[in-house]
């Protein structure tokens, strides 16, 4: 009897990172491309928050978030001063960030090991392809002084349970080789999240 083996197409997601290093006068010095190291626990909590049902003029409290101070906190979604769908008391934005830490990332990381600078990120592209949905967010971070960058990440800034602004790290990547930056130089950081259909 012949045994037939069937290979099932795997549905998955992939995070890719692209870093462009520019001089003070905007000349491209270096490009780094790599697969993302870690999608952090806060990202899972964020996805759960998106799909949390909320009744009209009601709110829900989502747990599982740890802010960049290391404090476990709830995030409110729904009506009034909430994180996800209504920014009445504080901004709701994603930021790209860079730091000097080189400790390998873990799923429970809640901050960069040694944050140097951050900048607002925006959606750069959304591609709806036959086999893939691809979303790219990015922003440019300027070095405040001469520094060697080893870690890159993305965090969400939004109101927490108390409606005060809070920061939640979503991605953290550690580079195999540091980026030597002079004061005033900048990195353009692009995270691409790819979902296989």
Foldseek 3Di string as FASTA:
>chain_A
DDDDDDDDDDWDKWKKKKKWWAALVGHTDDIDIDTFQEQAQQQVQVVVLVPDDADAQGKDWTWRFAFQVRRTFIFIDDDDLGFDDDPDQHDKFKKKWWAADADRDDRHDWHPPGTQWIDTKDWPDWDDDPWKTKTKIKDKTFGQAWDWTFKMFMWIWGQTPVSDTTIGTGGMGGDPGIDTGGGSIMMIMMMMMMTTD
